[in-house]
Every structure is written in C-alpha cells, then in structure tokens.
Amino acid sequence: MLTDKARPQCHLLDVGPRCHRGPTSLHQFFLEDQMPVDKEAELARVTNLRGFRYGLHDFLAEVDPDFLKAVNDTVETQYINTQILDRKTKEISIIVACISQVDTASHLQIHMHAAVQAGATGEEILAVINLVGDWIGHVARIRALEAWRIYFRPDLPTIDRVIELRDTAK
C-alpha cells in the first residue's frame, strides 16, 4: 500500500492502479515542463469548440485546469475535427448515450441545443427519444422528455411534479 507521500500525483478524474484514484491519463506525463494552463482561455475554448459551456467545465477549470485542457484537446481531435459523421449525427448520438445513462435534464439540454445548431429539429429529437425509450427504460425516457420540454416547450409545466394525491383510506 502506498503512503500518501509515496503516491504519484494524479488528476481529479484519474482512475486505475497508478493513482489512489486510478491510472494517470497520458496528458499528465507531458505537463511537467509546460506553462500553466490559462483557465479563462480554456473556458473560452470550451464554448468555441462545443457551442455551449456546462458547470462541469467551470469546475474542472478551478480544480484541474490541465485536465480541462486535455478534455478540450480530445474534443477537438476526436469530436470536432472528424469527417465521417456530421455534427448533427454526432449530437443525436450523444443525446442517446446521455439518455441511456439517465443523464440530467440540463446536460441533455446542451446537447439538444448543439443538435439544433447543427440542423436537427425538435421533432427529430423527440422521435429519437421515443425510439430509444423502449430499449433504454421508462425513467430515462421521462428524464429525456423533461429536457426536451425545457428546451422546446418551456411554456408547458414540468413533467416532474405531483399533480394530485388522494386519500384512499376509508
């Protein structure tokens, strides 16, 4: 067992045997002689690359800006600069992946926004939610429908509410 002093330095989200939280990511090995990451520049890069910024991005900028830079680098090379799938298809695929994990409505919203920016319609996204709902599960579908409602029909009341409770005791 490694003592705290003997443990290698690890990033917040690293996992596996090299760290007490897991394997170190490859970017860590190349950071020792580099200039400190400019947090504000990386946060601006988040929005420029994705078209949105989420609370997780701000959190990473504060606690592990090197990791945020590595995430941005990965997004740029594996997500933005690939030519096989168009952005709309990528975003709809990400929406499905997020639904399958019963992701939060706010995170689904940002990918719905990105899908719309890439040419998807609300009807297409709703069709995808309904298509995958039977395979993914009812709870995941409800969470996705709430995200859809927030983004496309904020005039409707939330799905996640109690409308009526009746006393059935006699």
C-alpha atoms as a PDB file:
ATOM      1  CA  MET A   1       0.000   0.000   0.000  1.00  0.00           C
ATOM      2  CA  LEU A   2       1.369   3.403  -0.952  1.00  0.00           C
ATOM      3  CA  THR A   3       1.514   6.080   1.686  1.00  0.00           C
ATOM      4  CA  ASP A   4       0.152   9.493   0.744  1.00  0.00           C
ATOM      5  CA  LYS A   5       3.720  10.751   0.372  1.00  0.00           C
ATOM      6  CA  ALA A   6       4.653   7.896  -1.985  1.00  0.00           C
ATOM      7  CA  ARG A   7       1.581   8.193  -4.208  1.00  0.00           C
ATOM      8  CA  PRO A   8       2.112   9.659  -7.663  1.00  0.00           C
ATOM      9  CA  GLN A   9       0.454  12.994  -8.362  1.00  0.00           C
ATOM     10  CA  CYS A  10      -2.900  12.353 -10.001  1.00  0.00           C
ATOM     11  CA  HIS A  11      -5.584  14.429 -11.605  1.00  0.00           C
ATOM     12  CA  LEU A  12      -9.017  14.649 -10.029  1.00  0.00           C
ATOM     13  CA  LEU A  13     -10.704  12.323 -12.514  1.00  0.00           C
ATOM     14  CA  ASP A  14      -7.881   9.795 -12.984  1.00  0.00           C
ATOM     15  CA  VAL A  15      -8.711   6.169 -12.184  1.00  0.00           C
ATOM     16  CA  GLY A  16      -6.794   2.869 -12.002  1.00  0.00           C
ATOM     17  CA  PRO A  17      -3.735   1.303 -10.371  1.00  0.00           C
ATOM     18  CA  ARG A  18      -1.139   4.083 -10.772  1.00  0.00           C
ATOM     19  CA  CYS A  19      -3.007   6.513  -8.508  1.00  0.00           C
ATOM     20  CA  HIS A  20      -5.064   6.119  -5.408  1.00  0.00           C
ATOM     21  CA  ARG A  21      -7.919   7.095  -7.756  1.00  0.00           C
ATOM     22  CA  GLY A  22      -6.646   5.131 -10.738  1.00  0.00           C
ATOM     23  CA  PRO A  23      -4.443   5.216 -13.843  1.00  0.00           C
ATOM     24  CA  THR A  24      -2.980   8.538 -14.719  1.00  0.00           C
ATOM     25  CA  SER A  25      -4.019   9.987 -18.014  1.00  0.00           C
ATOM     26  CA  LEU A  26      -1.375  10.311 -20.704  1.00  0.00           C
ATOM     27  CA  HIS A  27      -1.525  14.099 -20.716  1.00  0.00           C
ATOM     28  CA  GLN A  28      -0.156  14.124 -17.164  1.00  0.00           C
ATOM     29  CA  PHE A  29       3.222  12.797 -18.284  1.00  0.00           C
ATOM     30  CA  PHE A  30       3.704  15.718 -20.663  1.00  0.00           C
ATOM     31  CA  LEU A  31       2.723  18.515 -18.283  1.00  0.00           C
ATOM     32  CA  GLU A  32       5.751  18.709 -16.015  1.00  0.00           C
ATOM     33  CA  ASP A  33       7.710  21.253 -18.084  1.00  0.00           C
ATOM     34  CA  GLN A  34       4.788  23.140 -19.623  1.00  0.00           C
ATOM     35  CA  MET A  35       3.473  26.575 -18.795  1.00  0.00           C
ATOM     36  CA  PRO A  36       0.444  26.694 -16.502  1.00  0.00           C
ATOM     37  CA  VAL A  37      -2.871  26.384 -18.304  1.00  0.00           C
ATOM     38  CA  ASP A  38      -4.761  29.654 -18.783  1.00  0.00           C
ATOM     39  CA  LYS A  39      -8.134  28.790 -17.196  1.00  0.00           C
ATOM     40  CA  GLU A  40     -10.059  31.584 -18.901  1.00  0.00           C
ATOM     41  CA  ALA A  41      -8.624  30.687 -22.306  1.00  0.00           C
ATOM     42  CA  GLU A  42      -9.614  27.039 -21.823  1.00  0.00           C
ATOM     43  CA  LEU A  43     -13.130  28.037 -20.730  1.00  0.00           C
ATOM     44  CA  ALA A  44     -13.466  30.203 -23.838  1.00  0.00           C
ATOM     45  CA  ARG A  45     -12.179  27.259 -25.867  1.00  0.00           C
ATOM     46  CA  VAL A  46     -14.894  25.042 -24.323  1.00  0.00           C
ATOM     47  CA  THR A  47     -17.603  27.313 -25.718  1.00  0.00           C
ATOM     48  CA  ASN A  48     -15.866  27.848 -29.055  1.00  0.00           C
ATOM     49  CA  LEU A  49     -15.438  24.107 -29.644  1.00  0.00           C
ATOM     50  CA  ARG A  50     -18.841  22.932 -28.463  1.00  0.00           C
ATOM     51  CA  GLY A  51     -21.152  25.898 -28.778  1.00  0.00           C
ATOM     52  CA  PHE A  52     -22.007  25.606 -25.074  1.00  0.00           C
ATOM     53  CA  ARG A  53     -20.419  25.570 -21.634  1.00  0.00           C
ATOM     54  CA  TYR A  54     -21.597  23.483 -18.690  1.00  0.00           C
ATOM     55  CA  GLY A  55     -20.980  23.725 -14.942  1.00  0.00           C
ATOM     56  CA  LEU A  56     -18.601  20.769 -15.101  1.00  0.00           C
ATOM     57  CA  HIS A  57     -16.312  22.799 -17.355  1.00  0.00           C
ATOM     58  CA  ASP A  58     -16.073  25.636 -14.817  1.00  0.00           C
ATOM     59  CA  PHE A  59     -15.495  23.110 -12.035  1.00  0.00           C
ATOM     60  CA  LEU A  60     -12.623  21.477 -13.930  1.00  0.00           C
ATOM     61  CA  ALA A  61     -11.088  24.882 -14.687  1.00  0.00           C
ATOM     62  CA  GLU A  62     -10.918  25.536 -10.954  1.00  0.00           C
ATOM     63  CA  VAL A  63      -9.786  22.165  -9.652  1.00  0.00           C
ATOM     64  CA  ASP A  64      -7.766  20.732 -12.556  1.00  0.00           C
ATOM     65  CA  PRO A  65      -7.192  23.100 -15.493  1.00  0.00           C
ATOM     66  CA  ASP A  66      -4.677  20.682 -17.026  1.00  0.00           C
ATOM     67  CA  PHE A  67      -7.400  18.055 -17.234  1.00  0.00           C
ATOM     68  CA  LEU A  68      -9.822  20.564 -18.805  1.00  0.00           C
ATOM     69  CA  LYS A  69      -7.193  21.341 -21.445  1.00  0.00           C
ATOM     70  CA  ALA A  70      -6.755  17.617 -22.128  1.00  0.00           C
ATOM     71  CA  VAL A  71     -10.536  17.208 -22.447  1.00  0.00           C
ATOM     72  CA  ASN A  72     -10.641  20.143 -24.868  1.00  0.00           C
ATOM     73  CA  ASP A  73      -7.790  18.627 -26.875  1.00  0.00           C
ATOM     74  CA  THR A  74      -9.694  15.336 -27.102  1.00  0.00           C
ATOM     75  CA  VAL A  75     -12.940  17.061 -28.076  1.00  0.00           C
ATOM     76  CA  GLU A  76     -11.108  18.978 -30.788  1.00  0.00           C
ATOM     77  CA  THR A  77      -9.386  15.933 -32.309  1.00  0.00           C
ATOM     78  CA  GLN A  78     -11.974  13.184 -31.820  1.00  0.00           C
ATOM     79  CA  TYR A  79     -15.245  15.100 -31.944  1.00  0.00           C
ATOM     80  CA  ILE A  80     -14.903  18.354 -33.850  1.00  0.00           C
ATOM     81  CA  ASN A  81     -12.252  17.550 -36.449  1.00  0.00           C
ATOM     82  CA  THR A  82     -13.529  14.174 -37.646  1.00  0.00           C
ATOM     83  CA  GLN A  83     -15.050  13.927 -41.106  1.00  0.00           C
ATOM     84  CA  ILE A  84     -17.006  10.654 -41.065  1.00  0.00           C
ATOM     85  CA  LEU A  85     -20.084  11.792 -39.113  1.00  0.00           C
ATOM     86  CA  ASP A  86     -21.648  15.218 -39.403  1.00  0.00           C
ATOM     87  CA  ARG A  87     -22.224  17.308 -36.281  1.00  0.00           C
ATOM     88  CA  LYS A  88     -25.982  16.660 -36.234  1.00  0.00           C
ATOM     89  CA  THR A  89     -25.461  12.876 -36.219  1.00  0.00           C
ATOM     90  CA  LYS A  90     -22.805  13.187 -33.514  1.00  0.00           C
ATOM     91  CA  GLU A  91     -25.058  15.274 -31.271  1.00  0.00           C
ATOM     92  CA  ILE A  92     -28.058  12.982 -31.713  1.00  0.00           C
ATOM     93  CA  SER A  93     -25.799  10.028 -30.881  1.00  0.00           C
ATOM     94  CA  ILE A  94     -24.550  11.833 -27.777  1.00  0.00           C
ATOM     95  CA  ILE A  95     -28.155  12.566 -26.762  1.00  0.00           C
ATOM     96  CA  VAL A  96     -28.939   8.837 -26.991  1.00  0.00           C
ATOM     97  CA  ALA A  97     -25.844   7.991 -24.931  1.00  0.00           C
ATOM     98  CA  CYS A  98     -26.833  10.555 -22.294  1.00  0.00           C
ATOM     99  CA  ILE A  99     -30.415   9.260 -22.188  1.00  0.00           C
ATOM    100  CA  SER A 100     -29.148   5.714 -21.677  1.00  0.00           C
ATOM    101  CA  GLN A 101     -27.237   6.910 -18.617  1.00  0.00           C
ATOM    102  CA  VAL A 102     -30.339   8.699 -17.257  1.00  0.00           C
ATOM    103  CA  ASP A 103     -28.415  11.948 -17.514  1.00  0.00           C
ATOM    104  CA  THR A 104     -29.617  15.247 -16.061  1.00  0.00           C
ATOM    105  CA  ALA A 105     -32.059  17.405 -17.992  1.00  0.00           C
ATOM    106  CA  SER A 106     -29.589  20.303 -18.024  1.00  0.00           C
ATOM    107  CA  HIS A 107     -26.865  18.208 -19.669  1.00  0.00           C
ATOM    108  CA  LEU A 108     -29.307  16.798 -22.216  1.00  0.00           C
ATOM    109  CA  GLN A 109     -30.432  20.353 -22.989  1.00  0.00           C
ATOM    110  CA  ILE A 110     -26.970  21.492 -24.023  1.00  0.00           C
ATOM    111  CA  HIS A 111     -26.643  18.595 -26.454  1.00  0.00           C
ATOM    112  CA  MET A 112     -30.153  19.244 -27.768  1.00  0.00           C
ATOM    113  CA  HIS A 113     -29.065  22.840 -28.333  1.00  0.00           C
ATOM    114  CA  ALA A 114     -25.935  21.686 -30.171  1.00  0.00           C
ATOM    115  CA  ALA A 115     -28.035  19.278 -32.284  1.00  0.00           C
ATOM    116  CA  VAL A 116     -30.432  22.096 -33.231  1.00  0.00           C
ATOM    117  CA  GLN A 117     -27.473  24.323 -34.101  1.00  0.00           C
ATOM    118  CA  ALA A 118     -26.291  21.501 -36.381  1.00  0.00           C
ATOM    119  CA  GLY A 119     -29.673  21.272 -38.129  1.00  0.00           C
ATOM    120  CA  ALA A 120     -31.776  18.875 -36.037  1.00  0.00           C
ATOM    121  CA  THR A 121     -35.391  19.741 -35.332  1.00  0.00           C
ATOM    122  CA  GLY A 122     -37.345  19.337 -32.136  1.00  0.00           C
ATOM    123  CA  GLU A 123     -39.478  16.736 -33.890  1.00  0.00           C
ATOM    124  CA  GLU A 124     -36.404  14.678 -34.847  1.00  0.00           C
ATOM    125  CA  ILE A 125     -35.053  14.776 -31.307  1.00  0.00           C
ATOM    126  CA  LEU A 126     -38.452  13.807 -29.870  1.00  0.00           C
ATOM    127  CA  ALA A 127     -38.641  10.916 -32.364  1.00  0.00           C
ATOM    128  CA  VAL A 128     -35.210   9.712 -31.205  1.00  0.00           C
ATOM    129  CA  ILE A 129     -36.289   9.917 -27.542  1.00  0.00           C
ATOM    130  CA  ASN A 130     -39.394   7.869 -28.308  1.00  0.00           C
ATOM    131  CA  LEU A 131     -37.469   5.407 -30.489  1.00  0.00           C
ATOM    132  CA  VAL A 132     -34.848   4.557 -27.871  1.00  0.00           C
ATOM    133  CA  GLY A 133     -37.178   4.862 -24.879  1.00  0.00           C
ATOM    134  CA  ASP A 134     -38.444   1.288 -25.049  1.00  0.00           C
ATOM    135  CA  TRP A 135     -34.903  -0.085 -25.085  1.00  0.00           C
ATOM    136  CA  ILE A 136     -33.409   2.279 -22.554  1.00  0.00           C
ATOM    137  CA  GLY A 137     -36.197   2.388 -19.996  1.00  0.00           C
ATOM    138  CA  HIS A 138     -39.074   4.457 -18.709  1.00  0.00           C
ATOM    139  CA  VAL A 139     -37.135   6.562 -16.178  1.00  0.00           C
ATOM    140  CA  ALA A 140     -34.548   7.527 -18.784  1.00  0.00           C
ATOM    141  CA  ARG A 141     -37.296   8.420 -21.260  1.00  0.00           C
ATOM    142  CA  ILE A 142     -39.060  10.658 -18.707  1.00  0.00           C
ATOM    143  CA  ARG A 143     -35.787  12.461 -17.929  1.00  0.00           C
ATOM    144  CA  ALA A 144     -35.194  12.979 -21.656  1.00  0.00           C
ATOM    145  CA  LEU A 145     -38.752  14.198 -22.199  1.00  0.00           C
ATOM    146  CA  GLU A 146     -38.290  16.736 -19.399  1.00  0.00           C
ATOM    147  CA  ALA A 147     -35.113  18.012 -21.059  1.00  0.00           C
ATOM    148  CA  TRP A 148     -36.978  18.224 -24.375  1.00  0.00           C
ATOM    149  CA  ARG A 149     -39.831  20.124 -22.697  1.00  0.00           C
ATOM    150  CA  ILE A 150     -37.442  22.599 -21.083  1.00  0.00           C
ATOM    151  CA  TYR A 151     -35.672  23.282 -24.374  1.00  0.00           C
ATOM    152  CA  PHE A 152     -38.502  23.177 -26.921  1.00  0.00           C
ATOM    153  CA  ARG A 153     -41.668  23.824 -24.875  1.00  0.00           C
ATOM    154  CA  PRO A 154     -40.763  25.785 -21.734  1.00  0.00           C
ATOM    155  CA  ASP A 155     -44.351  27.068 -21.737  1.00  0.00           C
ATOM    156  CA  LEU A 156     -45.522  23.634 -20.559  1.00  0.00           C
ATOM    157  CA  PRO A 157     -45.304  22.740 -16.860  1.00  0.00           C
ATOM    158  CA  THR A 158     -42.575  20.390 -15.706  1.00  0.00           C
ATOM    159  CA  ILE A 159     -43.183  16.674 -16.062  1.00  0.00           C
ATOM    160  CA  ASP A 160     -41.539  16.082 -12.678  1.00  0.00           C
ATOM    161  CA  ARG A 161     -44.323  17.295 -10.421  1.00  0.00           C
ATOM    162  CA  VAL A 162     -47.085  15.879  -8.254  1.00  0.00           C
ATOM    163  CA  ILE A 163     -50.439  16.901  -9.675  1.00  0.00           C
ATOM    164  CA  GLU A 164     -52.774  15.210  -7.220  1.00  0.00           C
ATOM    165  CA  LEU A 165     -52.627  12.959  -4.178  1.00  0.00           C
ATOM    166  CA  ARG A 166     -55.814  11.356  -2.906  1.00  0.00           C
ATOM    167  CA  ASP A 167     -56.511   9.915   0.485  1.00  0.00           C
ATOM    168  CA  THR A 168     -57.673   6.393  -0.236  1.00  0.00           C
ATOM    169  CA  ALA A 169     -58.066   5.366   3.416  1.00  0.00           C
ATOM    170  CA  LYS A 170     -61.673   4.813   4.449  1.00  0.00           C
END
